[in-house]
C-alpha atoms as a PDB file:
ATOM      1  CA  MET A   1     194.896 185.085  31.890  1.00  0.00           C
ATOM      2  CA  HIS A   2     192.404 184.129  34.565  1.00  0.00           C
ATOM      3  CA  TYR A   3     192.889 181.562  37.258  1.00  0.00           C
ATOM      4  CA  VAL A   4     190.864 179.178  39.365  1.00  0.00           C
ATOM      5  CA  TYR A   5     192.613 178.932  42.721  1.00  0.00           C
ATOM      6  CA  PHE A   6     192.392 176.541  45.648  1.00  0.00           C
ATOM      7  CA  LEU A   7     192.864 177.810  49.186  1.00  0.00           C
ATOM      8  CA  TRP A   8     193.252 175.647  52.284  1.00  0.00           C
ATOM      9  CA  SER A   9     192.394 176.590  55.852  1.00  0.00           C
ATOM     10  CA  ASN A  10     194.003 174.500  58.601  1.00  0.00           C
ATOM     11  CA  LYS A  11     191.665 176.148  61.084  1.00  0.00           C
ATOM     12  CA  LEU A  12     188.509 174.952  59.283  1.00  0.00           C
ATOM     13  CA  GLN A  13     190.050 171.936  57.499  1.00  0.00           C
ATOM     14  CA  LYS A  14     188.350 173.254  54.380  1.00  0.00           C
ATOM     15  CA  ILE A  15     189.119 174.013  50.734  1.00  0.00           C
ATOM     16  CA  TYR A  16     187.909 177.258  49.175  1.00  0.00           C
ATOM     17  CA  ILE A  17     187.758 177.654  45.395  1.00  0.00           C
ATOM     18  CA  GLY A  18     187.710 181.006  43.613  1.00  0.00           C
ATOM     19  CA  GLU A  19     188.456 182.766  40.323  1.00  0.00           C
ATOM     20  CA  THR A  20     190.680 185.787  39.762  1.00  0.00           C
ATOM     21  CA  SER A  21     193.103 187.477  37.400  1.00  0.00           C
ATOM     22  CA  ASN A  22     195.722 187.930  40.164  1.00  0.00           C
ATOM     23  CA  VAL A  23     196.140 185.015  42.585  1.00  0.00           C
ATOM     24  CA  ARG A  24     198.559 186.706  45.020  1.00  0.00           C
ATOM     25  CA  LYS A  25     196.388 189.810  45.337  1.00  0.00           C
ATOM     26  CA  ARG A  26     193.277 187.700  45.897  1.00  0.00           C
ATOM     27  CA  LEU A  27     195.044 185.589  48.559  1.00  0.00           C
ATOM     28  CA  ASN A  28     196.020 188.767  50.409  1.00  0.00           C
ATOM     29  CA  TYR A  29     192.403 189.918  50.178  1.00  0.00           C
ATOM     30  CA  HIS A  30     191.163 186.680  51.774  1.00  0.00           C
ATOM     31  CA  ASN A  31     193.819 186.810  54.504  1.00  0.00           C
ATOM     32  CA  GLY A  32     193.079 190.471  55.174  1.00  0.00           C
ATOM     33  CA  GLY A  33     189.613 189.575  56.415  1.00  0.00           C
ATOM     34  CA  PHE A  34     187.793 191.458  53.649  1.00  0.00           C
ATOM     35  CA  GLN A  35     185.866 188.439  52.358  1.00  0.00           C
ATOM     36  CA  ARG A  36     182.918 187.574  54.599  1.00  0.00           C
ATOM     37  CA  TYR A  37     182.861 183.875  53.702  1.00  0.00           C
ATOM     38  CA  THR A  38     186.589 183.247  54.268  1.00  0.00           C
ATOM     39  CA  LYS A  39     187.184 185.558  57.244  1.00  0.00           C
ATOM     40  CA  SER A  40     186.676 182.798  59.819  1.00  0.00           C
ATOM     41  CA  GLY A  41     189.236 180.495  58.184  1.00  0.00           C
ATOM     42  CA  MET A  42     192.254 182.796  58.198  1.00  0.00           C
ATOM     43  CA  PRO A  43     195.062 182.278  57.482  1.00  0.00           C
ATOM     44  CA  TRP A  44     194.445 180.703  54.078  1.00  0.00           C
ATOM     45  CA  GLN A  45     197.172 179.023  52.021  1.00  0.00           C
ATOM     46  CA  CYS A  46     197.077 178.840  48.247  1.00  0.00           C
ATOM     47  CA  ILE A  47     197.644 175.164  47.526  1.00  0.00           C
ATOM     48  CA  ALA A  48     197.261 175.410  43.736  1.00  0.00           C
ATOM     49  CA  TYR A  49     195.906 177.370  40.796  1.00  0.00           C
ATOM     50  CA  VAL A  50     194.953 176.557  37.214  1.00  0.00           C
ATOM     51  CA  ALA A  51     195.283 179.060  34.340  1.00  0.00           C
ATOM     52  CA  PHE A  52     192.599 179.707  31.716  1.00  0.00           C
ATOM     53  CA  ASP A  53     192.628 181.920  28.629  1.00  0.00           C
ATOM     54  CA  THR A  54     189.430 183.807  29.376  1.00  0.00           C
ATOM     55  CA  LYS A  55     187.404 184.881  32.396  1.00  0.00           C
ATOM     56  CA  ILE A  56     184.319 183.139  31.026  1.00  0.00           C
ATOM     57  CA  VAL A  57     186.053 179.755  30.904  1.00  0.00           C
ATOM     58  CA  ALA A  58     187.599 180.260  34.361  1.00  0.00           C
ATOM     59  CA  LYS A  59     184.221 181.206  35.907  1.00  0.00           C
ATOM     60  CA  ARG A  60     182.580 178.191  34.295  1.00  0.00           C
ATOM     61  CA  GLU A  61     185.247 175.864  35.701  1.00  0.00           C
ATOM     62  CA  GLU A  62     185.041 177.500  39.156  1.00  0.00           C
ATOM     63  CA  LYS A  63     181.278 176.956  39.199  1.00  0.00           C
ATOM     64  CA  ARG A  64     181.662 173.321  38.080  1.00  0.00           C
ATOM     65  CA  LEU A  65     184.262 172.623  40.769  1.00  0.00           C
ATOM     66  CA  LYS A  66     182.214 174.277  43.524  1.00  0.00           C
ATOM     67  CA  LYS A  67     179.240 172.041  42.668  1.00  0.00           C
ATOM     68  CA  CYS A  68     181.429 168.947  43.008  1.00  0.00           C
ATOM     69  CA  LYS A  69     182.277 169.284  46.757  1.00  0.00           C
ATOM     70  CA  ASN A  70     184.484 166.175  46.728  1.00  0.00           C
ATOM     71  CA  LYS A  71     187.922 166.466  48.356  1.00  0.00           C
ATOM     72  CA  LYS A  72     189.260 163.353  46.615  1.00  0.00           C
ATOM     73  CA  TYR A  73     188.304 164.819  43.228  1.00  0.00           C
ATOM     74  CA  TYR A  74     189.918 168.151  44.148  1.00  0.00           C
ATOM     75  CA  LYS A  75     193.164 166.366  45.047  1.00  0.00           C
ATOM     76  CA  ARG A  76     193.231 164.508  41.708  1.00  0.00           C
ATOM     77  CA  TYR A  77     192.339 167.683  39.820  1.00  0.00           C
ATOM     78  CA  ILE A  78     195.096 169.664  41.550  1.00  0.00           C
ATOM     79  CA  LEU A  79     197.690 166.936  40.919  1.00  0.00           C
ATOM     80  CA  GLU A  80     196.773 166.789  37.242  1.00  0.00           C
ATOM     81  CA  TYR A  81     196.261 170.473  36.392  1.00  0.00           C
ATOM     82  CA  GLY A  82     197.387 172.595  39.321  1.00  0.00           C
ATOM     83  CA  LYS A  83     200.465 174.735  39.756  1.00  0.00           C
ATOM     84  CA  LYS A  84     201.894 175.902  43.067  1.00  0.00           C
ATOM     85  CA  LEU A  85     202.035 179.581  43.976  1.00  0.00           C
END
């Protein structure tokens, strides 16, 4: 299983979207300051994740969602498909 995950930063008031095979491990990585892009927004909270059968499908969905850049769409998407960590 691979997952597309949604992180929220209260500090930046921003959503970050990523893909991984282990959501908890990836969240710890972001909050550990190892990711250059997310370092300034720590601490991050995982607000939802969506499971996919293959990495290819998950990466494709991550890329599609990142192009969208619409918070209202993200909220609807999370309500419809997302699961809480």
